[in-house]
Amino acid sequence: MPLLSLRAYARHRGVSLAAVQKAIRSGRIATNADGMIDSDSADAEWDSKTRPGQRRTKPAAPPPRESAEPPVAAGLDYFRARAVRENYLARLAKIEFEEKTAKLISRDEVQVAAFTKARTVRDNMLNIPDRLAATLAAENDADKVHQILTGEIRRALDELAGANGN
């Protein structure tokens, strides 16, 4: 014959405290003089005085308790975010260092240099016919024409290769 408080009996039955208080007010269960509930006799009274449609087949799970402590995941999220931030700051510092030590150049400078180089190659290739038209028109030997053209194209490409080395 364990004696339980109203809250403990509500947990025992799997009901809310309000349901136990309502059962006491309506006379379905009785309390002792000190306000405690005899769980064995209260269970028997509850079962006999409660209509079958109102009975629960399974006790309800107790509501989850809320703790005053912040969740652990929030702390981990902060540290993870801090680590990501530090990683990006380190990357930016590395880029800045490489720029200052001339190991890294800006994208715009590379694009301008590539454009200038391509323009030079194009101009050199387009100038070949203007330079060689008269010479090639005077030649009757196909091998000689081939040799002259090959030499001019090679000079244009060597100029490009020589400019890359500087």
N, C-alpha and C. Protein backbone atom coordinates (compact mmCIF):
# COMPACT_ATOMS: atom_id res chain seq x y z
N MET A 1 0.84 -1.17 0.00
CA MET A 1 0.00 0.00 0.00
C MET A 1 0.89 1.24 0.00
N PRO A 2 1.54 1.52 -1.11
CA PRO A 2 2.38 2.70 -1.18
C PRO A 2 1.55 3.97 -1.24
N LEU A 3 1.94 4.94 -0.46
CA LEU A 3 1.27 6.24 -0.46
C LEU A 3 2.04 7.17 -1.39
N LEU A 4 1.28 7.82 -2.28
CA LEU A 4 1.91 8.70 -3.27
C LEU A 4 1.30 10.09 -3.20
N SER A 5 2.10 11.08 -3.60
CA SER A 5 1.56 12.43 -3.74
C SER A 5 0.70 12.48 -4.99
N LEU A 6 -0.03 13.58 -5.16
CA LEU A 6 -0.88 13.70 -6.34
C LEU A 6 -0.05 13.63 -7.63
N ARG A 7 1.06 14.33 -7.65
CA ARG A 7 1.91 14.32 -8.85
C ARG A 7 2.49 12.92 -9.10
N ALA A 8 2.95 12.26 -8.05
CA ALA A 8 3.52 10.93 -8.20
C ALA A 8 2.45 9.95 -8.68
N TYR A 9 1.23 10.08 -8.18
CA TYR A 9 0.16 9.20 -8.62
C TYR A 9 -0.19 9.47 -10.10
N ALA A 10 -0.16 10.74 -10.49
CA ALA A 10 -0.42 11.07 -11.90
C ALA A 10 0.62 10.41 -12.79
N ARG A 11 1.91 10.45 -12.39
CA ARG A 11 2.96 9.77 -13.15
C ARG A 11 2.72 8.26 -13.16
N HIS A 12 2.32 7.72 -12.00
CA HIS A 12 2.05 6.29 -11.88
C HIS A 12 0.94 5.87 -12.84
N ARG A 13 -0.11 6.66 -12.96
CA ARG A 13 -1.24 6.34 -13.84
C ARG A 13 -0.97 6.72 -15.29
N GLY A 14 0.00 7.59 -15.52
CA GLY A 14 0.25 8.05 -16.88
C GLY A 14 -0.75 9.09 -17.32
N VAL A 15 -1.24 9.89 -16.38
CA VAL A 15 -2.20 10.95 -16.67
C VAL A 15 -1.65 12.26 -16.14
N SER A 16 -2.36 13.33 -16.44
CA SER A 16 -1.91 14.63 -15.97
C SER A 16 -2.34 14.84 -14.51
N LEU A 17 -1.69 15.80 -13.88
CA LEU A 17 -2.07 16.16 -12.50
C LEU A 17 -3.51 16.65 -12.47
N ALA A 18 -3.91 17.39 -13.50
CA ALA A 18 -5.28 17.90 -13.55
C ALA A 18 -6.30 16.76 -13.59
N ALA A 19 -5.98 15.65 -14.26
CA ALA A 19 -6.89 14.50 -14.32
C ALA A 19 -7.04 13.87 -12.93
N VAL A 20 -5.95 13.79 -12.18
CA VAL A 20 -6.01 13.23 -10.82
C VAL A 20 -6.84 14.17 -9.93
N GLN A 21 -6.59 15.47 -10.02
CA GLN A 21 -7.35 16.42 -9.21
C GLN A 21 -8.85 16.36 -9.56
N LYS A 22 -9.20 16.20 -10.82
CA LYS A 22 -10.59 16.10 -11.24
C LYS A 22 -11.22 14.82 -10.70
N ALA A 23 -10.44 13.73 -10.72
CA ALA A 23 -10.95 12.46 -10.18
C ALA A 23 -11.22 12.57 -8.68
N ILE A 24 -10.40 13.31 -7.96
CA ILE A 24 -10.61 13.50 -6.52
C ILE A 24 -11.84 14.35 -6.29
N ARG A 25 -12.00 15.46 -7.04
CA ARG A 25 -13.16 16.34 -6.88
C ARG A 25 -14.47 15.62 -7.20
N SER A 26 -14.43 14.76 -8.23
CA SER A 26 -15.66 14.07 -8.62
C SER A 26 -15.95 12.85 -7.75
N GLY A 27 -15.03 12.46 -6.87
CA GLY A 27 -15.24 11.35 -5.97
C GLY A 27 -14.87 10.00 -6.55
N ARG A 28 -14.21 9.97 -7.69
CA ARG A 28 -13.80 8.68 -8.27
C ARG A 28 -12.69 8.03 -7.47
N ILE A 29 -11.79 8.84 -6.89
CA ILE A 29 -10.75 8.31 -6.00
C ILE A 29 -10.73 9.13 -4.73
N ALA A 30 -10.20 8.53 -3.68
CA ALA A 30 -10.17 9.20 -2.37
C ALA A 30 -8.72 9.39 -1.93
N THR A 31 -8.50 10.41 -1.11
CA THR A 31 -7.17 10.67 -0.54
C THR A 31 -7.23 10.39 0.95
N ASN A 32 -6.10 10.22 1.55
CA ASN A 32 -6.00 10.06 3.00
C ASN A 32 -6.17 11.42 3.66
N ALA A 33 -6.16 11.44 4.97
CA ALA A 33 -6.32 12.68 5.71
C ALA A 33 -5.15 13.64 5.45
N ASP A 34 -3.97 13.08 5.18
CA ASP A 34 -2.81 13.94 4.92
C ASP A 34 -2.69 14.34 3.45
N GLY A 35 -3.66 13.97 2.59
CA GLY A 35 -3.66 14.36 1.20
C GLY A 35 -2.92 13.41 0.28
N MET A 36 -2.38 12.32 0.86
CA MET A 36 -1.67 11.33 0.06
C MET A 36 -2.67 10.34 -0.51
N ILE A 37 -2.24 9.62 -1.58
CA ILE A 37 -3.12 8.67 -2.24
C ILE A 37 -2.54 7.28 -2.08
N ASP A 38 -3.38 6.33 -1.64
CA ASP A 38 -2.99 4.92 -1.60
C ASP A 38 -3.14 4.40 -3.02
N SER A 39 -2.04 4.08 -3.65
CA SER A 39 -2.07 3.76 -5.08
C SER A 39 -2.87 2.51 -5.39
N ASP A 40 -2.82 1.46 -4.52
CA ASP A 40 -3.55 0.23 -4.81
C ASP A 40 -5.06 0.46 -4.78
N SER A 41 -5.54 1.10 -3.72
CA SER A 41 -6.99 1.32 -3.62
C SER A 41 -7.46 2.37 -4.64
N ALA A 42 -6.62 3.37 -4.91
CA ALA A 42 -6.98 4.40 -5.89
C ALA A 42 -7.05 3.80 -7.29
N ASP A 43 -6.15 2.87 -7.60
CA ASP A 43 -6.20 2.21 -8.91
C ASP A 43 -7.50 1.43 -9.07
N ALA A 44 -7.88 0.71 -8.01
CA ALA A 44 -9.12 -0.08 -8.07
C ALA A 44 -10.33 0.85 -8.22
N GLU A 45 -10.35 1.95 -7.45
CA GLU A 45 -11.46 2.91 -7.56
C GLU A 45 -11.50 3.54 -8.95
N TRP A 46 -10.35 3.94 -9.44
CA TRP A 46 -10.27 4.58 -10.76
C TRP A 46 -10.85 3.65 -11.83
N ASP A 47 -10.42 2.37 -11.80
CA ASP A 47 -10.89 1.42 -12.81
C ASP A 47 -12.39 1.14 -12.69
N SER A 48 -12.89 1.07 -11.48
CA SER A 48 -14.31 0.73 -11.31
C SER A 48 -15.23 1.92 -11.55
N LYS A 49 -14.76 3.12 -11.29
CA LYS A 49 -15.63 4.29 -11.39
C LYS A 49 -15.43 5.10 -12.66
N THR A 50 -14.57 4.65 -13.53
CA THR A 50 -14.33 5.36 -14.78
C THR A 50 -15.02 4.60 -15.91
N ARG A 51 -15.75 5.31 -16.75
CA ARG A 51 -16.43 4.66 -17.87
C ARG A 51 -15.41 4.06 -18.83
N PRO A 52 -15.76 2.96 -19.48
CA PRO A 52 -14.79 2.28 -20.35
C PRO A 52 -14.28 3.16 -21.50
N GLY A 53 -15.08 4.04 -22.04
CA GLY A 53 -14.64 4.89 -23.14
C GLY A 53 -13.63 5.94 -22.72
N GLN A 54 -13.59 6.23 -21.41
CA GLN A 54 -12.65 7.25 -20.92
C GLN A 54 -11.35 6.67 -20.42
N ARG A 55 -11.27 5.36 -20.33
CA ARG A 55 -10.05 4.73 -19.82
C ARG A 55 -8.96 4.74 -20.87
N ARG A 56 -7.77 4.88 -20.41
CA ARG A 56 -6.61 4.79 -21.30
C ARG A 56 -6.13 3.35 -21.31
N THR A 57 -5.75 2.90 -22.49
CA THR A 57 -5.23 1.53 -22.57
C THR A 57 -3.77 1.49 -22.16
N LYS A 58 -3.03 2.52 -22.48
CA LYS A 58 -1.62 2.60 -22.12
C LYS A 58 -1.38 3.89 -21.36
N PRO A 59 -0.51 3.84 -20.38
CA PRO A 59 -0.18 5.11 -19.72
C PRO A 59 0.57 6.02 -20.69
N ALA A 60 0.27 7.29 -20.62
CA ALA A 60 0.94 8.27 -21.48
C ALA A 60 2.37 8.46 -21.02
N ALA A 61 3.23 8.72 -21.94
CA ALA A 61 4.62 9.00 -21.60
C ALA A 61 4.69 10.34 -20.88
N PRO A 62 5.53 10.42 -19.86
CA PRO A 62 5.63 11.70 -19.15
C PRO A 62 6.21 12.75 -20.09
N PRO A 63 5.79 14.01 -19.92
CA PRO A 63 6.30 15.06 -20.78
C PRO A 63 7.80 15.24 -20.58
N PRO A 64 8.54 15.57 -21.62
CA PRO A 64 9.98 15.75 -21.47
C PRO A 64 10.28 16.95 -20.58
N ARG A 65 11.30 16.76 -19.79
CA ARG A 65 11.71 17.85 -18.89
C ARG A 65 12.59 18.83 -19.65
N GLU A 66 12.39 20.08 -19.38
CA GLU A 66 13.23 21.11 -19.98
C GLU A 66 14.30 21.49 -18.98
N SER A 67 15.52 21.48 -19.42
CA SER A 67 16.59 21.85 -18.52
C SER A 67 16.95 23.32 -18.70
N ALA A 68 17.53 23.88 -17.68
CA ALA A 68 17.92 25.29 -17.73
C ALA A 68 19.24 25.46 -18.47
N GLU A 69 19.96 24.34 -18.71
CA GLU A 69 21.24 24.43 -19.39
C GLU A 69 21.03 24.58 -20.90
N PRO A 70 21.88 25.35 -21.56
CA PRO A 70 21.75 25.46 -23.02
C PRO A 70 22.12 24.12 -23.65
N PRO A 71 21.55 23.80 -24.79
CA PRO A 71 21.87 22.53 -25.42
C PRO A 71 23.34 22.47 -25.81
N VAL A 72 23.88 21.26 -25.77
CA VAL A 72 25.29 21.06 -26.09
C VAL A 72 25.56 21.40 -27.55
N ALA A 73 24.60 21.11 -28.42
CA ALA A 73 24.80 21.35 -29.86
C ALA A 73 25.06 22.83 -30.15
N ALA A 74 24.43 23.72 -29.38
CA ALA A 74 24.64 25.15 -29.62
C ALA A 74 26.11 25.51 -29.38
N GLY A 75 26.72 24.93 -28.37
CA GLY A 75 28.13 25.18 -28.10
C GLY A 75 29.00 24.64 -29.22
N LEU A 76 28.66 23.45 -29.71
CA LEU A 76 29.44 22.87 -30.80
C LEU A 76 29.29 23.70 -32.07
N ASP A 77 28.09 24.21 -32.32
CA ASP A 77 27.88 25.05 -33.50
C ASP A 77 28.74 26.30 -33.43
N TYR A 78 28.86 26.87 -32.25
CA TYR A 78 29.69 28.07 -32.09
C TYR A 78 31.14 27.74 -32.40
N PHE A 79 31.63 26.63 -31.84
CA PHE A 79 33.03 26.28 -32.05
C PHE A 79 33.28 25.88 -33.50
N ARG A 80 32.32 25.22 -34.14
CA ARG A 80 32.46 24.85 -35.54
C ARG A 80 32.49 26.11 -36.41
N ALA A 81 31.60 27.05 -36.11
CA ALA A 81 31.57 28.30 -36.87
C ALA A 81 32.87 29.07 -36.66
N ARG A 82 33.36 29.06 -35.45
CA ARG A 82 34.62 29.75 -35.15
C ARG A 82 35.78 29.12 -35.92
N ALA A 83 35.79 27.78 -36.00
CA ALA A 83 36.85 27.09 -36.74
C ALA A 83 36.79 27.42 -38.22
N VAL A 84 35.60 27.47 -38.79
CA VAL A 84 35.44 27.81 -40.21
C VAL A 84 35.93 29.23 -40.44
N ARG A 85 35.56 30.14 -39.55
CA ARG A 85 35.99 31.54 -39.67
C ARG A 85 37.51 31.64 -39.64
N GLU A 86 38.13 30.96 -38.71
CA GLU A 86 39.59 31.00 -38.59
C GLU A 86 40.26 30.41 -39.83
N ASN A 87 39.66 29.38 -40.39
CA ASN A 87 40.19 28.77 -41.60
C ASN A 87 40.19 29.77 -42.75
N TYR A 88 39.09 30.47 -42.93
CA TYR A 88 39.01 31.46 -44.01
C TYR A 88 39.97 32.63 -43.76
N LEU A 89 40.09 33.05 -42.52
CA LEU A 89 41.03 34.13 -42.22
C LEU A 89 42.47 33.70 -42.54
N ALA A 90 42.79 32.44 -42.26
CA ALA A 90 44.13 31.94 -42.57
C ALA A 90 44.36 31.92 -44.08
N ARG A 91 43.34 31.51 -44.83
CA ARG A 91 43.47 31.51 -46.29
C ARG A 91 43.68 32.92 -46.83
N LEU A 92 42.91 33.88 -46.30
CA LEU A 92 43.07 35.27 -46.75
C LEU A 92 44.46 35.80 -46.40
N ALA A 93 44.96 35.46 -45.23
CA ALA A 93 46.30 35.91 -44.83
C ALA A 93 47.36 35.31 -45.77
N LYS A 94 47.18 34.05 -46.17
CA LYS A 94 48.13 33.42 -47.08
C LYS A 94 48.12 34.12 -48.44
N ILE A 95 46.93 34.42 -48.96
CA ILE A 95 46.82 35.11 -50.24
C ILE A 95 47.48 36.48 -50.18
N GLU A 96 47.22 37.19 -49.10
CA GLU A 96 47.80 38.53 -48.92
C GLU A 96 49.33 38.45 -48.87
N PHE A 97 49.88 37.45 -48.17
CA PHE A 97 51.32 37.26 -48.08
C PHE A 97 51.91 36.97 -49.46
N GLU A 98 51.25 36.08 -50.23
CA GLU A 98 51.77 35.73 -51.54
C GLU A 98 51.70 36.91 -52.51
N GLU A 99 50.70 37.77 -52.36
CA GLU A 99 50.64 38.97 -53.20
C GLU A 99 51.80 39.90 -52.88
N LYS A 100 52.09 40.06 -51.60
CA LYS A 100 53.15 40.99 -51.20
C LYS A 100 54.54 40.47 -51.55
N THR A 101 54.70 39.14 -51.60
CA THR A 101 56.01 38.58 -51.95
C THR A 101 56.11 38.29 -53.44
N ALA A 102 55.15 38.76 -54.22
CA ALA A 102 55.13 38.65 -55.68
C ALA A 102 55.06 37.21 -56.16
N LYS A 103 54.56 36.32 -55.34
CA LYS A 103 54.32 34.95 -55.79
C LYS A 103 52.93 34.82 -56.39
N LEU A 104 52.11 35.81 -56.17
CA LEU A 104 50.74 35.77 -56.65
C LEU A 104 50.43 37.10 -57.30
N ILE A 105 49.82 37.05 -58.47
CA ILE A 105 49.43 38.28 -59.15
C ILE A 105 47.91 38.27 -59.34
N SER A 106 47.38 39.44 -59.58
CA SER A 106 45.93 39.54 -59.68
C SER A 106 45.42 38.93 -60.98
N ARG A 107 44.21 38.51 -60.96
CA ARG A 107 43.55 37.92 -62.11
C ARG A 107 43.48 38.91 -63.27
N ASP A 108 43.22 40.17 -62.95
CA ASP A 108 43.12 41.20 -63.99
C ASP A 108 44.44 41.36 -64.74
N GLU A 109 45.56 41.31 -64.01
CA GLU A 109 46.87 41.43 -64.65
C GLU A 109 47.11 40.26 -65.61
N VAL A 110 46.71 39.08 -65.19
CA VAL A 110 46.89 37.89 -66.03
C VAL A 110 46.02 38.01 -67.29
N GLN A 111 44.79 38.46 -67.13
CA GLN A 111 43.90 38.61 -68.28
C GLN A 111 44.45 39.63 -69.27
N VAL A 112 44.97 40.75 -68.79
CA VAL A 112 45.53 41.77 -69.68
C VAL A 112 46.75 41.23 -70.40
N ALA A 113 47.61 40.52 -69.69
CA ALA A 113 48.82 39.96 -70.31
C ALA A 113 48.45 38.92 -71.36
N ALA A 114 47.47 38.06 -71.06
CA ALA A 114 47.05 37.03 -72.03
C ALA A 114 46.44 37.68 -73.27
N PHE A 115 45.64 38.71 -73.07
CA PHE A 115 45.02 39.40 -74.20
C PHE A 115 46.09 40.04 -75.08
N THR A 116 47.06 40.68 -74.45
CA THR A 116 48.13 41.33 -75.20
C THR A 116 48.94 40.31 -75.99
N LYS A 117 49.25 39.20 -75.36
CA LYS A 117 50.03 38.14 -76.03
C LYS A 117 49.25 37.58 -77.20
N ALA A 118 47.97 37.31 -77.04
CA ALA A 118 47.15 36.77 -78.13
C ALA A 118 47.05 37.77 -79.27
N ARG A 119 46.94 39.05 -78.93
CA ARG A 119 46.86 40.09 -79.96
C ARG A 119 48.16 40.15 -80.76
N THR A 120 49.29 40.01 -80.09
CA THR A 120 50.59 40.03 -80.77
C THR A 120 50.72 38.85 -81.73
N VAL A 121 50.34 37.67 -81.27
CA VAL A 121 50.41 36.48 -82.13
C VAL A 121 49.51 36.66 -83.35
N ARG A 122 48.31 37.13 -83.13
CA ARG A 122 47.37 37.35 -84.24
C ARG A 122 47.94 38.34 -85.25
N ASP A 123 48.46 39.45 -84.74
CA ASP A 123 49.01 40.47 -85.65
C ASP A 123 50.19 39.93 -86.45
N ASN A 124 51.08 39.19 -85.78
CA ASN A 124 52.25 38.62 -86.48
C ASN A 124 51.81 37.63 -87.56
N MET A 125 50.80 36.82 -87.26
CA MET A 125 50.34 35.84 -88.24
C MET A 125 49.64 36.54 -89.41
N LEU A 126 48.87 37.58 -89.12
CA LEU A 126 48.17 38.30 -90.20
C LEU A 126 49.13 39.14 -91.05
N ASN A 127 50.29 39.48 -90.55
CA ASN A 127 51.28 40.26 -91.32
C ASN A 127 52.09 39.39 -92.28
N ILE A 128 52.10 38.10 -92.11
CA ILE A 128 52.88 37.21 -92.98
C ILE A 128 52.49 37.37 -94.45
N PRO A 129 51.18 37.32 -94.79
CA PRO A 129 50.85 37.46 -96.22
C PRO A 129 51.30 38.81 -96.80
N ASP A 130 51.18 39.89 -96.01
CA ASP A 130 51.59 41.20 -96.51
C ASP A 130 53.10 41.23 -96.79
N ARG A 131 53.89 40.62 -95.94
CA ARG A 131 55.34 40.62 -96.10
C ARG A 131 55.80 39.70 -97.24
N LEU A 132 55.08 38.58 -97.42
CA LEU A 132 55.58 37.56 -98.36
C LEU A 132 54.85 37.51 -99.71
N ALA A 133 53.83 38.28 -99.89
CA ALA A 133 53.02 38.17 -101.12
C ALA A 133 53.86 38.31 -102.39
N ALA A 134 54.67 39.33 -102.46
CA ALA A 134 55.46 39.57 -103.67
C ALA A 134 56.51 38.48 -103.86
N THR A 135 57.16 38.08 -102.78
CA THR A 135 58.20 37.05 -102.85
C THR A 135 57.61 35.72 -103.31
N LEU A 136 56.47 35.35 -102.72
CA LEU A 136 55.85 34.07 -103.09
C LEU A 136 55.30 34.09 -104.52
N ALA A 137 54.86 35.26 -105.01
CA ALA A 137 54.34 35.36 -106.38
C ALA A 137 55.44 35.16 -107.40
N ALA A 138 56.67 35.53 -107.04
CA ALA A 138 57.79 35.39 -107.97
C ALA A 138 58.36 33.98 -107.99
N GLU A 139 58.03 33.17 -106.99
CA GLU A 139 58.60 31.81 -106.90
C GLU A 139 57.79 30.84 -107.74
N ASN A 140 58.50 29.95 -108.44
CA ASN A 140 57.86 28.91 -109.24
C ASN A 140 57.96 27.55 -108.56
N ASP A 141 58.92 27.43 -107.63
CA ASP A 141 59.17 26.14 -106.97
C ASP A 141 58.29 26.02 -105.72
N ALA A 142 57.47 24.98 -105.65
CA ALA A 142 56.56 24.78 -104.52
C ALA A 142 57.31 24.51 -103.23
N ASP A 143 58.44 23.81 -103.32
CA ASP A 143 59.24 23.53 -102.12
C ASP A 143 59.81 24.82 -101.54
N LYS A 144 60.22 25.71 -102.40
CA LYS A 144 60.77 27.00 -101.94
C LYS A 144 59.66 27.82 -101.27
N VAL A 145 58.44 27.82 -101.84
CA VAL A 145 57.31 28.54 -101.24
C VAL A 145 57.01 27.96 -99.86
N HIS A 146 57.03 26.64 -99.77
CA HIS A 146 56.77 25.98 -98.48
C HIS A 146 57.83 26.37 -97.47
N GLN A 147 59.08 26.37 -97.87
CA GLN A 147 60.20 26.72 -96.99
C GLN A 147 60.07 28.16 -96.48
N ILE A 148 59.72 29.09 -97.36
CA ILE A 148 59.58 30.51 -96.98
C ILE A 148 58.44 30.67 -95.97
N LEU A 149 57.30 30.05 -96.26
CA LEU A 149 56.15 30.14 -95.34
C LEU A 149 56.47 29.53 -93.98
N THR A 150 57.08 28.38 -93.99
CA THR A 150 57.44 27.70 -92.73
C THR A 150 58.40 28.57 -91.92
N GLY A 151 59.37 29.17 -92.56
CA GLY A 151 60.32 30.03 -91.87
C GLY A 151 59.64 31.23 -91.21
N GLU A 152 58.72 31.87 -91.91
CA GLU A 152 58.03 33.05 -91.36
C GLU A 152 57.13 32.66 -90.18
N ILE A 153 56.43 31.55 -90.32
CA ILE A 153 55.56 31.09 -89.21
C ILE A 153 56.41 30.73 -88.00
N ARG A 154 57.55 30.07 -88.26
CA ARG A 154 58.44 29.70 -87.14
C ARG A 154 58.98 30.95 -86.44
N ARG A 155 59.35 32.00 -87.22
CA ARG A 155 59.83 33.25 -86.62
C ARG A 155 58.76 33.88 -85.73
N ALA A 156 57.51 33.88 -86.18
CA ALA A 156 56.42 34.45 -85.39
C ALA A 156 56.22 33.67 -84.09
N LEU A 157 56.30 32.34 -84.20
CA LEU A 157 56.13 31.51 -83.00
C LEU A 157 57.34 31.61 -82.07
N ASP A 158 58.53 31.73 -82.62
CA ASP A 158 59.73 31.91 -81.78
C ASP A 158 59.67 33.24 -81.03
N GLU A 159 59.15 34.25 -81.69
CA GLU A 159 59.00 35.54 -81.05
C GLU A 159 58.04 35.43 -79.85
N LEU A 160 56.97 34.66 -80.05
CA LEU A 160 56.03 34.42 -78.96
C LEU A 160 56.69 33.66 -77.82
N ALA A 161 57.45 32.62 -78.15
CA ALA A 161 58.13 31.81 -77.13
C ALA A 161 59.20 32.61 -76.41
N GLY A 162 59.92 33.45 -77.15
CA GLY A 162 60.95 34.28 -76.54
C GLY A 162 60.36 35.31 -75.59
N ALA A 163 59.20 35.83 -75.90
CA ALA A 163 58.55 36.82 -75.05
C ALA A 163 58.06 36.17 -73.76
N ASN A 164 57.69 34.88 -73.81
CA ASN A 164 57.23 34.17 -72.60
C ASN A 164 58.35 33.96 -71.63
N GLY A 165 59.55 33.77 -72.14
CA GLY A 165 60.69 33.51 -71.26
C GLY A 165 61.09 34.73 -70.46
N ASN A 166 60.76 35.92 -70.91
CA ASN A 166 61.15 37.17 -70.22
C ASN A 166 60.22 37.51 -69.12
